[in-house]
Amino acid sequence: MRGQQADFQMMRQSIAKFVLALSDDQHLPMTVVLPCLYNADIEAQKAELAERRIRVVEDDCSRYHRKARPIVY
């Protein structure tokens, strides 16, 4: 089970690295997708990305009836 989880995680990282390298090679800007959460971590991340002039897209929070649970790290 742990081996499968490790393999899956390595595959996800490889795909992410490939997409980032392709974007850089083709000069395509990436868009960061942020969750619909109102906490200090997300707000700080949005401010940092705006400062670096990186495009950000947020989920449409009005579509959800219940308040999103905070992320626990």
N, C-alpha and C. Protein backbone atom coordinates (compact mmCIF):
# COMPACT_ATOMS: atom_id res chain seq x y z
N MET A 1 0.83 -1.19 0.00
CA MET A 1 0.00 0.00 0.00
C MET A 1 0.87 1.26 0.00
N ARG A 2 1.88 1.30 0.86
CA ARG A 2 2.75 2.48 0.94
C ARG A 2 3.54 2.66 -0.35
N GLY A 3 3.92 1.55 -0.96
CA GLY A 3 4.64 1.63 -2.23
C GLY A 3 3.77 2.25 -3.32
N GLN A 4 2.50 1.87 -3.34
CA GLN A 4 1.57 2.43 -4.33
C GLN A 4 1.38 3.93 -4.10
N GLN A 5 1.28 4.32 -2.83
CA GLN A 5 1.13 5.74 -2.51
C GLN A 5 2.36 6.53 -2.94
N ALA A 6 3.53 5.97 -2.70
CA ALA A 6 4.78 6.64 -3.09
C ALA A 6 4.87 6.76 -4.61
N ASP A 7 4.50 5.69 -5.31
CA ASP A 7 4.52 5.73 -6.78
C ASP A 7 3.55 6.78 -7.32
N PHE A 8 2.37 6.84 -6.72
CA PHE A 8 1.37 7.81 -7.15
C PHE A 8 1.87 9.24 -6.91
N GLN A 9 2.48 9.47 -5.76
CA GLN A 9 3.00 10.80 -5.44
C GLN A 9 4.13 11.18 -6.41
N MET A 10 5.00 10.25 -6.73
CA MET A 10 6.08 10.52 -7.67
C MET A 10 5.52 10.84 -9.06
N MET A 11 4.46 10.14 -9.46
CA MET A 11 3.84 10.40 -10.75
C MET A 11 3.23 11.80 -10.77
N ARG A 12 2.56 12.19 -9.69
CA ARG A 12 1.98 13.53 -9.62
C ARG A 12 3.06 14.60 -9.71
N GLN A 13 4.17 14.40 -9.03
CA GLN A 13 5.26 15.37 -9.08
C GLN A 13 5.86 15.44 -10.48
N SER A 14 5.99 14.30 -11.13
CA SER A 14 6.54 14.28 -12.49
C SER A 14 5.63 15.04 -13.46
N ILE A 15 4.33 14.84 -13.32
CA ILE A 15 3.38 15.55 -14.19
C ILE A 15 3.45 17.04 -13.94
N ALA A 16 3.52 17.44 -12.67
CA ALA A 16 3.61 18.86 -12.34
C ALA A 16 4.89 19.48 -12.91
N LYS A 17 6.00 18.77 -12.78
CA LYS A 17 7.27 19.28 -13.32
C LYS A 17 7.19 19.40 -14.84
N PHE A 18 6.57 18.43 -15.49
CA PHE A 18 6.43 18.46 -16.94
C PHE A 18 5.60 19.67 -17.38
N VAL A 19 4.47 19.89 -16.72
CA VAL A 19 3.59 21.01 -17.08
C VAL A 19 4.30 22.34 -16.87
N LEU A 20 5.01 22.48 -15.76
CA LEU A 20 5.74 23.72 -15.50
C LEU A 20 6.84 23.95 -16.53
N ALA A 21 7.57 22.90 -16.88
CA ALA A 21 8.63 23.02 -17.88
C ALA A 21 8.05 23.36 -19.25
N LEU A 22 6.94 22.73 -19.61
CA LEU A 22 6.29 23.02 -20.88
C LEU A 22 5.82 24.47 -20.94
N SER A 23 5.24 24.94 -19.85
CA SER A 23 4.79 26.33 -19.78
C SER A 23 5.96 27.29 -19.95
N ASP A 24 7.05 27.00 -19.30
CA ASP A 24 8.24 27.85 -19.40
C ASP A 24 8.81 27.81 -20.82
N ASP A 25 8.88 26.62 -21.39
CA ASP A 25 9.45 26.46 -22.73
C ASP A 25 8.61 27.16 -23.79
N GLN A 26 7.30 27.08 -23.67
CA GLN A 26 6.39 27.66 -24.66
C GLN A 26 6.00 29.11 -24.32
N HIS A 27 6.53 29.63 -23.22
CA HIS A 27 6.24 31.00 -22.77
C HIS A 27 4.75 31.22 -22.55
N LEU A 28 4.13 30.24 -21.90
CA LEU A 28 2.71 30.32 -21.58
C LEU A 28 2.57 30.65 -20.10
N PRO A 29 1.82 31.69 -19.77
CA PRO A 29 1.66 32.03 -18.35
C PRO A 29 0.78 31.00 -17.65
N MET A 30 1.13 30.69 -16.43
CA MET A 30 0.34 29.77 -15.62
C MET A 30 -0.64 30.57 -14.77
N THR A 31 -1.76 29.99 -14.46
CA THR A 31 -2.75 30.60 -13.58
C THR A 31 -2.84 29.75 -12.33
N VAL A 32 -2.75 30.40 -11.18
CA VAL A 32 -2.86 29.70 -9.90
C VAL A 32 -4.34 29.65 -9.52
N VAL A 33 -4.81 28.48 -9.15
CA VAL A 33 -6.19 28.31 -8.72
C VAL A 33 -6.19 28.17 -7.21
N LEU A 34 -6.87 29.10 -6.54
CA LEU A 34 -6.93 29.08 -5.08
C LEU A 34 -8.29 28.59 -4.62
N PRO A 35 -8.33 27.92 -3.46
CA PRO A 35 -9.61 27.41 -2.96
C PRO A 35 -10.49 28.53 -2.42
N CYS A 36 -11.74 28.21 -2.24
CA CYS A 36 -12.72 29.16 -1.71
C CYS A 36 -12.66 29.11 -0.19
N LEU A 37 -11.64 29.69 0.37
CA LEU A 37 -11.48 29.72 1.82
C LEU A 37 -11.09 31.14 2.24
N TYR A 38 -11.57 31.54 3.37
CA TYR A 38 -11.24 32.86 3.88
C TYR A 38 -10.36 32.69 5.11
N ASN A 39 -9.08 32.45 4.90
CA ASN A 39 -8.18 32.36 6.03
C ASN A 39 -6.91 33.13 5.72
N ALA A 40 -6.10 33.35 6.72
CA ALA A 40 -4.91 34.19 6.59
C ALA A 40 -3.91 33.60 5.60
N ASP A 41 -3.77 32.28 5.56
CA ASP A 41 -2.81 31.65 4.65
C ASP A 41 -3.16 31.92 3.19
N ILE A 42 -4.43 31.78 2.85
CA ILE A 42 -4.86 32.00 1.47
C ILE A 42 -4.73 33.48 1.10
N GLU A 43 -5.09 34.36 2.03
CA GLU A 43 -4.98 35.80 1.77
C GLU A 43 -3.52 36.20 1.58
N ALA A 44 -2.62 35.64 2.37
CA ALA A 44 -1.19 35.94 2.23
C ALA A 44 -0.67 35.42 0.89
N GLN A 45 -1.12 34.24 0.50
CA GLN A 45 -0.70 33.68 -0.78
C GLN A 45 -1.21 34.54 -1.93
N LYS A 46 -2.47 35.02 -1.84
CA LYS A 46 -3.01 35.89 -2.88
C LYS A 46 -2.20 37.18 -2.99
N ALA A 47 -1.83 37.76 -1.86
CA ALA A 47 -1.05 39.00 -1.86
C ALA A 47 0.33 38.78 -2.48
N GLU A 48 0.96 37.67 -2.13
CA GLU A 48 2.28 37.36 -2.69
C GLU A 48 2.21 37.17 -4.20
N LEU A 49 1.20 36.46 -4.66
CA LEU A 49 1.05 36.22 -6.09
C LEU A 49 0.74 37.51 -6.84
N ALA A 50 -0.08 38.37 -6.25
CA ALA A 50 -0.40 39.65 -6.88
C ALA A 50 0.85 40.52 -6.98
N GLU A 51 1.67 40.49 -5.94
CA GLU A 51 2.92 41.25 -5.95
C GLU A 51 3.85 40.77 -7.06
N ARG A 52 3.85 39.47 -7.29
CA ARG A 52 4.70 38.89 -8.34
C ARG A 52 4.03 38.92 -9.71
N ARG A 53 2.82 39.49 -9.78
CA ARG A 53 2.04 39.62 -11.02
C ARG A 53 1.73 38.27 -11.67
N ILE A 54 1.37 37.33 -10.82
CA ILE A 54 0.97 36.00 -11.28
C ILE A 54 -0.55 35.94 -11.24
N ARG A 55 -1.14 35.46 -12.32
CA ARG A 55 -2.60 35.39 -12.41
C ARG A 55 -3.16 34.41 -11.38
N VAL A 56 -4.29 34.80 -10.79
CA VAL A 56 -4.94 33.99 -9.77
C VAL A 56 -6.42 33.86 -10.13
N VAL A 57 -6.94 32.67 -9.96
CA VAL A 57 -8.37 32.40 -10.14
C VAL A 57 -8.87 31.79 -8.85
N GLU A 58 -10.03 32.24 -8.40
CA GLU A 58 -10.62 31.66 -7.20
C GLU A 58 -11.91 30.94 -7.57
N ASP A 59 -12.22 29.97 -6.76
CA ASP A 59 -13.48 29.26 -6.93
C ASP A 59 -14.63 30.23 -6.67
N ASP A 60 -15.77 30.00 -7.28
CA ASP A 60 -16.95 30.84 -7.08
C ASP A 60 -17.61 30.42 -5.77
N CYS A 61 -17.33 31.16 -4.71
CA CYS A 61 -17.81 30.78 -3.38
C CYS A 61 -19.33 30.88 -3.25
N SER A 62 -19.97 31.68 -4.09
CA SER A 62 -21.42 31.84 -3.99
C SER A 62 -22.17 30.57 -4.39
N ARG A 63 -21.50 29.65 -5.03
CA ARG A 63 -22.15 28.41 -5.46
C ARG A 63 -22.32 27.41 -4.32
N TYR A 64 -21.66 27.64 -3.20
CA TYR A 64 -21.69 26.69 -2.09
C TYR A 64 -22.59 27.22 -0.98
N HIS A 65 -23.47 26.37 -0.50
CA HIS A 65 -24.41 26.77 0.55
C HIS A 65 -23.75 26.75 1.92
N ARG A 66 -22.90 25.79 2.15
CA ARG A 66 -22.24 25.69 3.45
C ARG A 66 -20.89 26.38 3.39
N LYS A 67 -20.49 26.90 4.53
CA LYS A 67 -19.19 27.55 4.61
C LYS A 67 -18.11 26.47 4.53
N ALA A 68 -17.07 26.76 3.77
CA ALA A 68 -15.98 25.79 3.61
C ALA A 68 -15.24 25.60 4.92
N ARG A 69 -14.81 24.37 5.16
CA ARG A 69 -14.03 24.09 6.37
C ARG A 69 -12.61 24.58 6.17
N PRO A 70 -11.98 25.05 7.24
CA PRO A 70 -10.59 25.51 7.10
C PRO A 70 -9.66 24.34 6.83
N ILE A 71 -8.58 24.62 6.13
CA ILE A 71 -7.57 23.61 5.87
C ILE A 71 -6.70 23.48 7.11
N VAL A 72 -6.48 22.26 7.54
CA VAL A 72 -5.62 22.00 8.69
C VAL A 72 -4.33 21.40 8.17
N TYR A 73 -3.23 22.07 8.44
CA TYR A 73 -1.93 21.61 7.97
C TYR A 73 -1.26 20.74 8.99
